[in-house]
Amino acid sequence: MRLDHVQLCCPPGSDDLMRGFYVGVLGMVEEPKPPILAARGGSWFRAGDAVVHTGVEGDFRPAHRAHPAFVVADLDELARVLADAGCEVRWDDAIPGVRRLHTDDPVGNRLEFIQAGAAS
């Protein structure tokens, strides 16, 4: 078994905002959605094996506890990119031996990023 993708919700009308973050800030690539799904709004993004689907939800509330966690090659560089884009970077040392940080996407969904190798 393996994880295929994670879906994060977003409010109606936020597709361009999400695209600006996932592609423009995180450097993911947008993948085309099948036409029947594209009509619902939302987007699909990929970076390596990490796949994020965003889905429009009318009664949207951001996920503050539930979150995907992404492993990245250079956590310090990502922290700089996030800060330069105006994102809040919250370092977290609660797990011994794991360098990680949290931020939020443009609609408030929590995201975690972990340094590859996980050593502090």
C-alpha atoms as a PDB file:
ATOM      1  CA  MET A   1       0.000   0.000   0.000  1.00  0.00           C
ATOM      2  CA  ARG A   2       1.142   3.540  -0.689  1.00  0.00           C
ATOM      3  CA  LEU A   3      -0.391   6.971  -0.520  1.00  0.00           C
ATOM      4  CA  ASP A   4      -1.554   8.212  -3.925  1.00  0.00           C
ATOM      5  CA  HIS A   5      -2.412  11.820  -3.029  1.00  0.00           C
ATOM      6  CA  VAL A   6      -3.694  14.064  -0.289  1.00  0.00           C
ATOM      7  CA  GLN A   7      -6.692  16.324  -0.800  1.00  0.00           C
ATOM      8  CA  LEU A   8      -6.956  19.738   0.802  1.00  0.00           C
ATOM      9  CA  CYS A   9     -10.118  21.797   0.654  1.00  0.00           C
ATOM     10  CA  CYS A  10     -10.347  25.383  -0.477  1.00  0.00           C
ATOM     11  CA  PRO A  11     -13.165  27.916  -0.767  1.00  0.00           C
ATOM     12  CA  PRO A  12     -14.911  28.696  -4.052  1.00  0.00           C
ATOM     13  CA  GLY A  13     -12.959  31.163  -6.182  1.00  0.00           C
ATOM     14  CA  SER A  14      -9.548  30.333  -4.681  1.00  0.00           C
ATOM     15  CA  ASP A  15      -8.069  28.239  -7.508  1.00  0.00           C
ATOM     16  CA  ASP A  16      -5.687  30.981  -8.684  1.00  0.00           C
ATOM     17  CA  LEU A  17      -4.605  31.690  -5.108  1.00  0.00           C
ATOM     18  CA  MET A  18      -3.858  28.006  -4.524  1.00  0.00           C
ATOM     19  CA  ARG A  19      -2.053  27.733  -7.863  1.00  0.00           C
ATOM     20  CA  GLY A  20       0.071  30.760  -6.972  1.00  0.00           C
ATOM     21  CA  PHE A  21       1.187  29.065  -3.769  1.00  0.00           C
ATOM     22  CA  TYR A  22       1.604  25.425  -4.772  1.00  0.00           C
ATOM     23  CA  VAL A  23       3.230  26.229  -8.130  1.00  0.00           C
ATOM     24  CA  GLY A  24       4.641  29.713  -7.576  1.00  0.00           C
ATOM     25  CA  VAL A  25       6.003  29.295  -4.047  1.00  0.00           C
ATOM     26  CA  LEU A  26       6.466  25.551  -3.516  1.00  0.00           C
ATOM     27  CA  GLY A  27       7.515  24.852  -7.120  1.00  0.00           C
ATOM     28  CA  MET A  28       5.047  22.038  -7.702  1.00  0.00           C
ATOM     29  CA  VAL A  29       3.779  21.313 -11.207  1.00  0.00           C
ATOM     30  CA  GLU A  30       0.077  21.536 -11.967  1.00  0.00           C
ATOM     31  CA  GLU A  31      -1.348  18.411 -13.571  1.00  0.00           C
ATOM     32  CA  PRO A  32      -4.477  18.438 -15.720  1.00  0.00           C
ATOM     33  CA  LYS A  33      -7.680  17.137 -14.167  1.00  0.00           C
ATOM     34  CA  PRO A  34     -10.121  15.036 -16.156  1.00  0.00           C
ATOM     35  CA  PRO A  35     -12.763  17.390 -17.627  1.00  0.00           C
ATOM     36  CA  ILE A  36     -15.612  16.066 -15.475  1.00  0.00           C
ATOM     37  CA  LEU A  37     -13.548  16.772 -12.332  1.00  0.00           C
ATOM     38  CA  ALA A  38     -12.169  20.080 -13.608  1.00  0.00           C
ATOM     39  CA  ALA A  39     -15.744  21.397 -13.818  1.00  0.00           C
ATOM     40  CA  ARG A  40     -15.936  21.135 -10.011  1.00  0.00           C
ATOM     41  CA  GLY A  41     -12.992  23.487  -9.491  1.00  0.00           C
ATOM     42  CA  GLY A  42      -9.835  22.693  -7.599  1.00  0.00           C
ATOM     43  CA  SER A  43      -6.446  21.691  -8.940  1.00  0.00           C
ATOM     44  CA  TRP A  44      -3.912  18.869  -8.897  1.00  0.00           C
ATOM     45  CA  PHE A  45      -0.255  19.518  -8.063  1.00  0.00           C
ATOM     46  CA  ARG A  46       2.828  17.269  -8.021  1.00  0.00           C
ATOM     47  CA  ALA A  47       6.454  17.444  -6.910  1.00  0.00           C
ATOM     48  CA  GLY A  48       8.154  14.055  -7.275  1.00  0.00           C
ATOM     49  CA  ASP A  49       5.980  11.527  -5.443  1.00  0.00           C
ATOM     50  CA  ALA A  50       4.149  14.234  -3.467  1.00  0.00           C
ATOM     51  CA  VAL A  51       0.701  14.867  -4.940  1.00  0.00           C
ATOM     52  CA  VAL A  52      -1.787  17.427  -3.623  1.00  0.00           C
ATOM     53  CA  HIS A  53      -5.330  17.746  -4.900  1.00  0.00           C
ATOM     54  CA  THR A  54      -7.310  20.818  -3.922  1.00  0.00           C
ATOM     55  CA  GLY A  55     -11.078  20.531  -3.845  1.00  0.00           C
ATOM     56  CA  VAL A  56     -13.606  23.330  -3.647  1.00  0.00           C
ATOM     57  CA  GLU A  57     -15.871  23.151  -0.612  1.00  0.00           C
ATOM     58  CA  GLY A  58     -18.767  25.577  -0.222  1.00  0.00           C
ATOM     59  CA  ASP A  59     -18.713  25.525   3.582  1.00  0.00           C
ATOM     60  CA  PHE A  60     -14.917  25.700   3.697  1.00  0.00           C
ATOM     61  CA  ARG A  61     -13.018  25.693   6.976  1.00  0.00           C
ATOM     62  CA  PRO A  62      -9.219  25.353   6.901  1.00  0.00           C
ATOM     63  CA  ALA A  63      -7.597  22.282   8.423  1.00  0.00           C
ATOM     64  CA  HIS A  64      -5.584  23.462  11.428  1.00  0.00           C
ATOM     65  CA  ARG A  65      -4.600  20.085  12.888  1.00  0.00           C
ATOM     66  CA  ALA A  66      -4.999  17.642  10.015  1.00  0.00           C
ATOM     67  CA  HIS A  67      -2.167  18.222   7.559  1.00  0.00           C
ATOM     68  CA  PRO A  68       0.094  16.625   4.975  1.00  0.00           C
ATOM     69  CA  ALA A  69       3.803  16.375   5.772  1.00  0.00           C
ATOM     70  CA  PHE A  70       6.315  16.705   2.947  1.00  0.00           C
ATOM     71  CA  VAL A  71       9.964  15.624   3.056  1.00  0.00           C
ATOM     72  CA  VAL A  72      12.256  18.209   1.445  1.00  0.00           C
ATOM     73  CA  ALA A  73      15.946  18.203   0.544  1.00  0.00           C
ATOM     74  CA  ASP A  74      16.726  21.674   1.953  1.00  0.00           C
ATOM     75  CA  LEU A  75      14.437  22.806   4.758  1.00  0.00           C
ATOM     76  CA  ASP A  76      16.396  26.017   5.373  1.00  0.00           C
ATOM     77  CA  GLU A  77      16.027  27.071   1.744  1.00  0.00           C
ATOM     78  CA  LEU A  78      12.317  26.286   1.832  1.00  0.00           C
ATOM     79  CA  ALA A  79      11.961  28.351   5.019  1.00  0.00           C
ATOM     80  CA  ARG A  80      13.624  31.276   3.228  1.00  0.00           C
ATOM     81  CA  VAL A  81      11.353  30.883   0.178  1.00  0.00           C
ATOM     82  CA  LEU A  82       8.263  30.734   2.382  1.00  0.00           C
ATOM     83  CA  ALA A  83       9.318  33.779   4.425  1.00  0.00           C
ATOM     84  CA  ASP A  84      10.146  35.740   1.249  1.00  0.00           C
ATOM     85  CA  ALA A  85       6.626  34.931  -0.009  1.00  0.00           C
ATOM     86  CA  GLY A  86       5.143  36.340   3.208  1.00  0.00           C
ATOM     87  CA  CYS A  87       4.277  32.975   4.753  1.00  0.00           C
ATOM     88  CA  GLU A  88       4.599  32.420   8.480  1.00  0.00           C
ATOM     89  CA  VAL A  89       7.304  29.834   9.227  1.00  0.00           C
ATOM     90  CA  ARG A  90       6.808  27.975  12.507  1.00  0.00           C
ATOM     91  CA  TRP A  91       9.761  25.795  13.463  1.00  0.00           C
ATOM     92  CA  ASP A  92       8.887  22.777  15.593  1.00  0.00           C
ATOM     93  CA  ASP A  93      11.364  20.766  17.642  1.00  0.00           C
ATOM     94  CA  ALA A  94       8.798  18.588  19.436  1.00  0.00           C
ATOM     95  CA  ILE A  95      10.104  15.387  17.811  1.00  0.00           C
ATOM     96  CA  PRO A  96      13.713  14.678  18.825  1.00  0.00           C
ATOM     97  CA  GLY A  97      16.012  14.260  15.833  1.00  0.00           C
ATOM     98  CA  VAL A  98      13.507  15.664  13.319  1.00  0.00           C
ATOM     99  CA  ARG A  99      13.970  19.099  11.764  1.00  0.00           C
ATOM    100  CA  ARG A 100      10.590  20.363  10.684  1.00  0.00           C
ATOM    101  CA  LEU A 101       8.471  23.423  10.230  1.00  0.00           C
ATOM    102  CA  HIS A 102       4.837  24.285   9.696  1.00  0.00           C
ATOM    103  CA  THR A 103       3.221  26.932   7.560  1.00  0.00           C
ATOM    104  CA  ASP A 104      -0.229  27.522   6.108  1.00  0.00           C
ATOM    105  CA  ASP A 105      -1.333  27.603   2.510  1.00  0.00           C
ATOM    106  CA  PRO A 106      -3.129  30.777   1.350  1.00  0.00           C
ATOM    107  CA  VAL A 107      -6.517  29.589   2.638  1.00  0.00           C
ATOM    108  CA  GLY A 108      -5.218  28.518   6.060  1.00  0.00           C
ATOM    109  CA  ASN A 109      -4.609  24.774   5.682  1.00  0.00           C
ATOM    110  CA  ARG A 110      -1.691  23.633   7.844  1.00  0.00           C
ATOM    111  CA  LEU A 111       1.320  22.118   6.033  1.00  0.00           C
ATOM    112  CA  GLU A 112       4.350  20.391   7.543  1.00  0.00           C
ATOM    113  CA  PHE A 113       7.778  20.150   5.936  1.00  0.00           C
ATOM    114  CA  ILE A 114      10.481  17.775   7.201  1.00  0.00           C
ATOM    115  CA  GLN A 115      14.190  17.834   6.395  1.00  0.00           C
ATOM    116  CA  ALA A 116      15.229  14.753   4.398  1.00  0.00           C
ATOM    117  CA  GLY A 117      17.298  12.518   6.635  1.00  0.00           C
ATOM    118  CA  ALA A 118      15.383  14.029   9.590  1.00  0.00           C
ATOM    119  CA  ALA A 119      18.532  14.643  11.658  1.00  0.00           C
ATOM    120  CA  SER A 120      18.666  17.907  13.576  1.00  0.00           C
END
